[in-house]
Structure formats: structure tokens, C-alpha cells
Protein backbone atom coordinates (compact mmCIF):
# COMPACT_ATOMS: atom_id res chain seq x y z
CA MET A 1 -6.83 -29.96 -7.64
CA SER A 2 -10.25 -28.36 -6.66
CA THR A 3 -10.91 -24.55 -7.47
CA PRO A 4 -9.84 -22.58 -4.26
CA LEU A 5 -12.39 -20.02 -2.79
CA CYS A 6 -9.62 -17.51 -2.90
CA THR A 7 -6.29 -16.48 -4.29
CA VAL A 8 -4.03 -14.53 -2.07
CA LEU A 9 -1.38 -12.60 -4.17
CA LEU A 10 1.67 -10.64 -2.90
CA ALA A 11 4.98 -9.36 -4.44
CA THR A 12 8.04 -9.36 -2.31
CA PHE A 13 11.49 -7.59 -2.27
CA ASN A 14 14.24 -8.25 0.37
CA ARG A 15 12.03 -8.97 3.45
CA ARG A 16 12.59 -12.70 3.79
CA PRO A 17 12.07 -13.03 7.49
CA THR A 18 8.76 -10.99 7.46
CA LEU A 19 7.55 -12.87 4.28
CA MET A 20 7.97 -16.18 5.90
CA LYS A 21 5.99 -14.83 9.03
CA CYS A 22 3.31 -13.54 6.44
CA LEU A 23 3.37 -17.14 5.06
CA ASP A 24 3.02 -18.78 8.51
CA HIS A 25 -0.17 -16.86 9.16
CA LEU A 26 -1.45 -17.74 5.91
CA GLU A 27 -0.87 -21.47 6.67
CA ALA A 28 -3.08 -20.96 9.85
CA GLN A 29 -6.22 -19.53 7.70
CA ASP A 30 -9.35 -21.29 8.86
CA ILE A 31 -10.82 -21.41 5.30
CA GLY A 32 -9.20 -24.78 4.81
CA LYS A 33 -5.99 -25.60 2.70
CA LYS A 34 -7.92 -26.80 -0.17
CA ASN A 35 -9.84 -23.49 -0.40
CA LEU A 36 -6.77 -21.38 -0.66
CA GLN A 37 -4.18 -20.80 -3.44
CA VAL A 38 -1.22 -18.37 -2.52
CA ILE A 39 0.99 -16.67 -5.17
CA VAL A 40 4.16 -14.99 -4.17
CA ILE A 41 6.13 -12.87 -6.94
CA ASP A 42 9.86 -12.36 -5.73
CA ASP A 43 10.63 -8.90 -7.24
CA GLY A 44 14.17 -9.56 -7.76
CA SER A 45 15.17 -10.11 -3.91
CA THR A 46 18.85 -10.72 -3.01
CA ASP A 47 18.46 -11.62 0.49
CA GLY A 48 17.66 -15.40 -0.20
CA THR A 49 14.11 -14.95 -0.52
CA LEU A 50 13.83 -17.22 -3.67
CA PRO A 51 15.52 -20.33 -2.13
CA ALA A 52 13.84 -19.76 1.21
CA LEU A 53 10.36 -20.00 -0.72
CA GLU A 54 11.43 -22.97 -2.64
CA ALA A 55 12.56 -24.68 0.52
CA ARG A 56 9.19 -24.16 2.46
CA PRO A 57 7.33 -27.45 3.33
CA GLU A 58 4.05 -27.88 1.37
CA ALA A 59 1.76 -26.56 4.34
CA LEU A 60 -0.38 -24.52 1.89
CA GLY A 61 -3.19 -25.92 -0.47
CA GLU A 62 -1.37 -24.48 -3.30
CA LEU A 63 1.83 -22.26 -3.22
CA VAL A 64 2.99 -20.69 -6.63
CA VAL A 65 6.42 -19.05 -6.82
CA LEU A 66 7.47 -16.83 -9.31
CA HIS A 67 10.63 -14.88 -9.78
CA GLN A 68 11.32 -11.64 -11.98
CA ALA A 69 14.05 -8.88 -11.92
CA ASN A 70 13.29 -6.07 -9.59
CA LEU A 71 10.43 -4.42 -11.83
CA GLY A 72 8.08 -3.33 -9.24
CA PRO A 73 4.80 -4.44 -7.81
CA SER A 74 2.53 -3.60 -10.72
CA ILE A 75 4.29 -5.94 -13.15
CA ALA A 76 4.61 -8.49 -10.26
CA ARG A 77 0.73 -8.56 -9.65
CA ASP A 78 -0.15 -8.63 -13.31
CA ARG A 79 2.06 -11.46 -13.70
CA GLY A 80 0.82 -13.26 -10.45
CA LEU A 81 -2.91 -12.62 -11.81
CA GLU A 82 -2.11 -14.91 -14.83
CA HIS A 83 -1.87 -17.80 -12.56
CA ALA A 84 -4.70 -16.93 -10.14
CA THR A 85 -7.49 -19.69 -10.07
CA GLY A 86 -9.61 -18.43 -7.21
CA PRO A 87 -12.83 -16.33 -8.10
CA ILE A 88 -11.49 -13.80 -5.57
CA THR A 89 -7.97 -12.35 -5.46
CA LEU A 90 -6.95 -10.83 -1.93
CA PHE A 91 -3.83 -8.65 -2.34
CA ILE A 92 -1.46 -8.11 0.47
CA ASN A 93 1.68 -6.81 1.14
CA ASP A 94 4.89 -8.90 2.35
CA ASP A 95 4.45 -7.36 5.67
CA THR A 96 0.91 -8.28 6.21
CA ILE A 97 0.05 -10.53 9.03
CA LEU A 98 -3.74 -12.12 8.84
CA GLU A 99 -5.67 -13.21 11.48
CA PRO A 100 -6.75 -16.70 11.05
CA TRP A 101 -10.21 -15.94 9.99
CA ALA A 102 -9.40 -12.97 7.55
CA VAL A 103 -9.38 -14.66 4.45
CA ARG A 104 -12.76 -16.24 5.11
CA THR A 105 -14.17 -12.92 6.12
CA HIS A 106 -12.95 -11.54 2.56
CA VAL A 107 -14.84 -14.48 0.85
CA GLU A 108 -18.02 -14.19 3.00
CA GLN A 109 -18.24 -10.19 2.27
CA HIS A 110 -17.88 -11.11 -1.45
CA GLN A 111 -20.82 -13.48 -1.11
CA ARG A 112 -22.89 -10.64 0.35
CA HIS A 113 -21.49 -7.98 -1.71
CA PRO A 114 -20.65 -9.46 -4.98
CA ARG A 115 -19.77 -6.28 -7.03
CA SER A 116 -17.30 -5.09 -4.36
CA MET A 117 -13.73 -4.50 -3.53
CA ILE A 118 -13.49 -5.53 0.18
CA LEU A 119 -10.80 -3.39 2.34
CA GLY A 120 -9.63 -4.84 5.58
CA THR A 121 -7.68 -3.39 8.57
CA PHE A 122 -4.06 -2.75 8.49
CA ASP A 123 -2.77 -1.73 12.09
CA PHE A 124 0.64 -1.98 13.26
CA ILE A 125 1.42 -5.46 15.11
CA ALA A 126 1.47 -5.33 18.80
CA GLU A 127 5.24 -5.28 18.92
CA HIS A 128 5.37 -2.12 16.94
CA ALA A 129 1.95 -0.48 17.93
CA GLY A 130 3.35 1.18 21.27
CA ALA A 131 6.04 2.97 19.57
CA PRO A 132 5.05 7.02 19.66
CA LEU A 133 5.37 7.11 15.80
CA SER A 134 3.29 3.94 15.12
CA ARG A 135 0.75 5.52 17.49
CA MET A 136 0.72 8.78 15.83
CA LEU A 137 0.43 7.14 12.38
CA THR A 138 -2.47 5.00 13.65
CA GLU A 139 -4.32 8.07 14.71
CA THR A 140 -3.72 10.05 11.62
CA PRO A 141 -4.59 9.51 7.89
CA HIS A 142 -1.24 10.41 6.53
CA LEU A 143 -0.11 6.96 5.93
CA PHE A 144 -3.32 5.07 5.62
CA ALA A 145 -6.92 6.59 5.92
CA TYR A 146 -8.18 4.13 8.39
CA PRO A 147 -9.07 6.71 11.00
CA LEU A 148 -11.64 7.98 8.61
CA MET A 149 -13.44 4.63 8.19
CA GLU A 150 -16.20 2.66 10.04
CA ASP A 151 -17.06 -0.84 9.58
CA GLY A 152 -19.40 -1.38 6.66
CA ASP A 153 -18.48 2.32 4.99
CA VAL A 154 -18.72 2.33 1.24
CA LEU A 155 -15.73 4.24 0.37
CA GLN A 156 -14.24 6.34 -2.64
CA ALA A 157 -11.82 4.18 -4.55
CA TRP A 158 -8.91 6.58 -4.06
CA LEU A 159 -8.77 4.86 -0.49
CA GLY A 160 -8.05 1.29 -2.13
CA ALA A 161 -4.73 -0.15 -0.89
CA THR A 162 -3.38 -3.71 -1.79
CA CYS A 163 -2.12 -4.28 1.65
CA ASN A 164 -5.41 -6.06 2.58
CA MET A 165 -7.74 -5.71 -0.37
CA SER A 166 -9.82 -8.33 -2.08
CA VAL A 167 -11.43 -8.10 -5.68
CA PRO A 168 -13.07 -10.38 -7.86
CA THR A 169 -10.27 -12.12 -10.06
CA PRO A 170 -11.88 -11.73 -13.40
CA VAL A 171 -12.18 -7.85 -13.00
CA SER A 172 -8.73 -7.89 -11.43
CA ARG A 173 -7.47 -9.52 -14.53
CA SER A 174 -9.27 -7.29 -16.89
CA VAL A 175 -8.25 -3.87 -15.24
CA GLY A 176 -4.81 -4.98 -14.28
CA PHE A 177 -1.99 -2.65 -12.95
CA ASP A 178 -0.39 0.12 -14.81
CA HIS A 179 3.21 -0.56 -15.37
CA ARG A 180 3.97 3.13 -15.28
CA PHE A 181 3.89 3.06 -11.59
CA PHE A 182 6.87 1.58 -9.89
CA ILE A 183 5.76 1.77 -6.47
CA TYR A 184 2.95 3.78 -4.48
CA ALA A 185 -0.22 5.00 -6.15
CA GLU A 186 -0.51 1.88 -8.51
CA ASP A 187 -3.08 0.38 -6.06
CA VAL A 188 -5.01 3.72 -6.07
CA ASP A 189 -5.14 3.61 -9.86
CA PHE A 190 -6.02 -0.11 -9.74
CA ALA A 191 -9.06 0.64 -7.60
CA LEU A 192 -10.08 3.31 -9.57
CA GLY A 193 -10.12 1.24 -12.71
CA VAL A 194 -12.11 -1.55 -10.80
CA GLU A 195 -14.77 1.32 -9.54
CA ALA A 196 -15.14 2.35 -13.24
CA CYS A 197 -16.26 -1.09 -14.02
CA GLY A 198 -19.02 -0.69 -11.57
CA TYR A 199 -17.72 -2.07 -8.26
CA THR A 200 -17.71 -0.38 -4.94
CA LEU A 201 -14.94 -0.29 -2.30
CA ARG A 202 -16.37 -1.47 1.08
CA PHE A 203 -14.56 -1.62 4.52
CA CYS A 204 -14.73 -4.56 6.70
CA ALA A 205 -13.20 -4.09 10.16
CA GLY A 206 -13.56 -7.94 10.57
CA ALA A 207 -10.91 -8.72 7.89
CA VAL A 208 -8.21 -8.12 10.10
CA GLY A 209 -4.50 -7.80 8.91
CA TRP A 210 -1.53 -6.31 10.68
CA HIS A 211 1.42 -4.25 9.54
CA ASP A 212 4.79 -5.88 10.53
CA HIS A 213 6.91 -3.12 10.00
CA LEU A 214 8.59 -0.76 12.29
CA LEU A 215 8.76 2.89 10.77
CA THR A 216 11.29 5.59 11.52
CA PRO A 217 11.04 9.32 10.99
CA GLU A 218 13.97 8.97 8.22
CA SER A 219 12.02 6.11 6.64
CA ILE A 220 8.92 8.25 6.68
CA ARG A 221 10.81 11.18 5.21
CA LYS A 222 12.13 8.98 2.28
CA ALA A 223 8.97 7.29 1.77
CA SER A 224 7.11 10.49 1.66
CA ILE A 225 8.79 11.53 -1.70
CA VAL A 226 8.59 8.15 -3.47
CA ARG A 227 4.70 8.44 -2.60
CA GLY A 228 4.79 11.83 -4.05
CA VAL A 229 6.16 10.52 -7.41
CA GLY A 230 3.38 8.08 -7.68
CA ALA A 231 0.98 10.69 -6.74
CA ALA A 232 2.32 12.77 -9.60
CA ARG A 233 1.97 9.95 -12.07
CA LEU A 234 -1.60 9.42 -10.89
CA SER A 235 -2.33 13.01 -11.34
CA LEU A 236 -0.65 13.07 -14.84
CA LYS A 237 -2.91 10.00 -15.78
CA ARG A 238 -6.03 11.49 -14.26
CA GLY A 239 -5.76 15.18 -15.12
CA PRO A 240 -3.71 17.37 -12.63
CA THR A 241 -5.48 20.66 -11.78
CA ALA A 242 -4.19 24.17 -12.08
CA GLY A 243 -3.95 24.60 -8.48
CA LEU A 244 -1.53 21.44 -8.40
CA LEU A 245 0.70 22.72 -11.21
CA LEU A 246 1.15 25.93 -9.55
CA SER A 247 2.05 24.59 -6.25
CA VAL A 248 4.48 22.17 -8.16
CA ARG A 249 5.98 25.16 -9.95
CA HIS A 250 6.42 27.11 -6.86
CA THR A 251 8.00 24.18 -5.11
CA ALA A 252 10.45 23.63 -8.03
CA MET A 253 11.39 27.29 -7.95
CA ASP A 254 12.37 27.27 -4.47
CA GLU A 255 13.66 23.63 -4.20
CA ALA A 256 16.48 23.94 -1.91
CA SER A 257 14.31 25.75 0.86
CA PHE A 258 11.52 22.82 0.52
CA ARG A 259 14.25 20.17 0.99
CA ARG A 260 15.91 21.93 4.04
CA SER A 261 12.31 22.14 5.56
CA HIS A 262 11.58 18.60 4.84
CA ASP A 263 14.86 17.57 6.45
CA GLU A 264 14.28 19.67 9.34
CA ALA A 265 10.76 18.32 9.96
CA ALA A 266 12.12 14.68 10.04
CA GLN A 267 15.06 16.01 12.65
CA THR A 268 12.37 17.64 14.82
CA LEU A 269 10.15 14.65 14.66
CA ASP A 270 13.11 12.44 15.82
CA LEU A 271 14.23 14.66 18.63
CA LEU A 272 10.58 14.89 19.96
CA LEU A 273 9.87 11.40 19.82
CA ALA A 274 13.23 10.47 21.37
CA ALA A 275 12.28 12.35 24.26
CA CYS A 276 8.90 10.43 24.61
CA GLY A 277 8.57 7.67 27.31
CA PRO A 278 6.84 4.43 26.28
CA LEU A 279 3.35 5.81 27.39
CA ASP A 280 3.65 9.46 26.87
CA VAL A 281 1.76 11.27 24.43
CA PRO A 282 3.83 13.02 21.65
CA PRO A 283 3.48 16.91 21.90
CA VAL A 284 1.40 18.68 19.33
CA GLU A 285 4.71 19.98 17.63
CA ALA A 286 5.56 16.36 16.70
CA TYR A 287 2.09 16.04 15.04
CA ARG A 288 2.95 19.29 13.26
CA ALA A 289 6.38 17.78 11.94
CA LEU A 290 4.68 14.63 10.83
CA ALA A 291 2.15 16.49 8.68
CA ASP A 292 4.94 18.55 7.21
CA ILE A 293 6.96 15.57 6.37
CA PHE A 294 4.10 14.01 4.33
CA ARG A 295 3.17 17.53 2.83
CA ILE A 296 6.55 18.59 1.70
CA GLY A 297 7.42 15.35 0.64
CA ASN A 298 4.45 15.08 -1.57
CA LEU A 299 5.41 18.25 -3.30
CA LEU A 300 9.21 17.06 -3.71
CA GLY A 301 8.06 13.82 -5.12
CA HIS A 302 5.93 15.91 -7.68
CA ILE A 303 8.93 17.83 -8.92
CA GLU A 304 10.98 14.70 -9.05
CA GLU A 305 8.63 13.38 -11.64
CA PRO A 306 10.00 14.91 -14.87
CA ALA A 307 6.76 15.01 -17.03
CA MET A 308 4.85 16.76 -13.97
CA ARG A 309 7.71 19.15 -13.56
CA ALA A 310 7.87 20.23 -17.34
CA MET A 311 3.85 20.23 -17.22
CA ALA A 312 4.15 22.72 -14.32
CA PHE A 313 6.45 25.13 -16.23
CA SER A 314 4.41 24.98 -19.59
CA GLY A 315 2.46 27.93 -20.24
CA SER A 316 -0.81 26.14 -21.00
CA ALA A 317 -0.73 23.98 -18.07
CA LEU A 318 -1.03 27.19 -15.77
CA VAL A 319 -4.22 28.12 -17.45
CA PRO A 320 -7.00 27.75 -14.58
CA ALA A 321 -9.32 24.69 -15.13
């Protein structure tokens, strides 16, 4: 088989219907089957994902299916990179729906900017985009920082996200993913590592991907804490500031109050959005509640990371930087 122009790599866990839809759109890419390798790593799914993958017709140029226990996307992606043969690897999520020209656009961008990571778009699919919460998340940078970006921007690497980001395969394999990150922040850490090798992160609005995931105030509440754990591990690796450690210490000392406030913010958001019609603009109180969910969840995630909590309570850690 000839060498493909691009490898698309994704890890999946218990999202079989969405994954099949994701693969359907990869089959429709206009770059040509012989130019596309797709690697799917089943991260210990229990919903029939692996049999469904093995039963798919051979409609892609090359589909590589790997399976592992539920070890997280960092280990899964590193395992997948061992099998990547394209000079560029496009990392996507299992809920990413790519437009037919997306992979070709990534390849063209790398031809123009060879020492780059290319970040494409990741807005909600039309089916979910009209929901009030989806609109709020699209308008604000709490979940993804796309509202801060314009086409062609050269970005700071901490904005890197493996929902629709391509990186030259050799440097991807060389940097790899830190296995201390189970989920969240592993892609930011990866992008920072690639940047350290002399590559820049560029935003390309033409590399269009869609987010096939309906979020709720409760799912956002849970995710905000998990994201906070990832952020804590990233801070531990990169060096936490004295200000962050003081915030973590304060949160830990009043943990019950913070958890109540976090729950109340999610409940408030749920009630406010339930009162919104399909075309209504959510009230400003809803935006405040959304911001509180992410702000407080980030702090709660930090205190759930034992090493961060211990560092916040050590005397030496509180000396100003």
C-alpha cells in the first residue's frame, strides 16, 4: 500500500453510535482513500464498539483497529502513533464530525506551514447547536477558546486541543503523550511539548469539524471537576504559582462550601435554561452560573489531585514566587 498523505487517529470509549457516524464522515473525505489512514484505539469500551469496528466494510483506504483496557487517551494515542504511516497525524475525538474537505485542508496547511500544528474548528452540530447551553458554550471560552480565535491566528500552544488538530507525525511520536494524564490537559501538555520542538500552533477556520455531543448542566458540572484535575497535573508538571497554591489551600479548607456552591450553580443554570424557549437569549444570570461551574469546578479538581493538595499545605509551597 502507498504511503497516505495523512493519518487520522482517535481513541474511543463507549460511544459506538457516535463513533460510527464519525467514521462515516471520514469515509466521505475528498482527499482520496489511498491518501488516508485511520487508526481507532478502543479504550476498553463495553458497548459493543470493538465488534462494530471489526464488522465495518472496508470503505476506508486503511482502517487500523487497536484495543486496550480502559487506560485513557494518552496511552491510547501513543499506541496508535506506533502504527501511523502518514507524514501528518490528525488527532480527533470520537465525537468529531469532519466536513469532506477537512483532512485535505489540514494537509494543505502543513504544506504552507511545515513547522506547525494546525487547529481546526469544533462547533456543535446543527442538531445540538440551537440548545441554549450549546449556544452559551459556543459564545464563551469556558469549554473551548474558539471565540478568541480568528482564521490564520498563530496561537499560544496551551490552546491546543486534540478534537481537530494535526501535527507532523515524527514530532508527534517523538514528544508523545504523558501517561500521568488520564483525561483532560493531556493534549495541552502535548501541544506545549511540540511547541518546545520549534513548532507553532495555527488556527485554520477552513478545517471544519463539528462536535456531536449534547451537553447538560450536570454533565458540565462533572466535567469541570475532571478538567480541574487535569489542570492540576499540568500545573504540577510545569510549576504551580504561589497564587494558585494559596487558592487551592483556601478551597480545601472550605471544601464543603465550595461543593455546595458548585451544585447550586449547576441547579441554577438548569432551572434558567429550562425556562428558555428555543430562540430565547439566556439571561445574564445563566452566564454567571456557567462561569461559576467552570471556576469552582477547576478549584475542586485541583484539591482532588493529592499531590497538588499536599503541595498547597506545605510551608515551602506558599512562599511567593
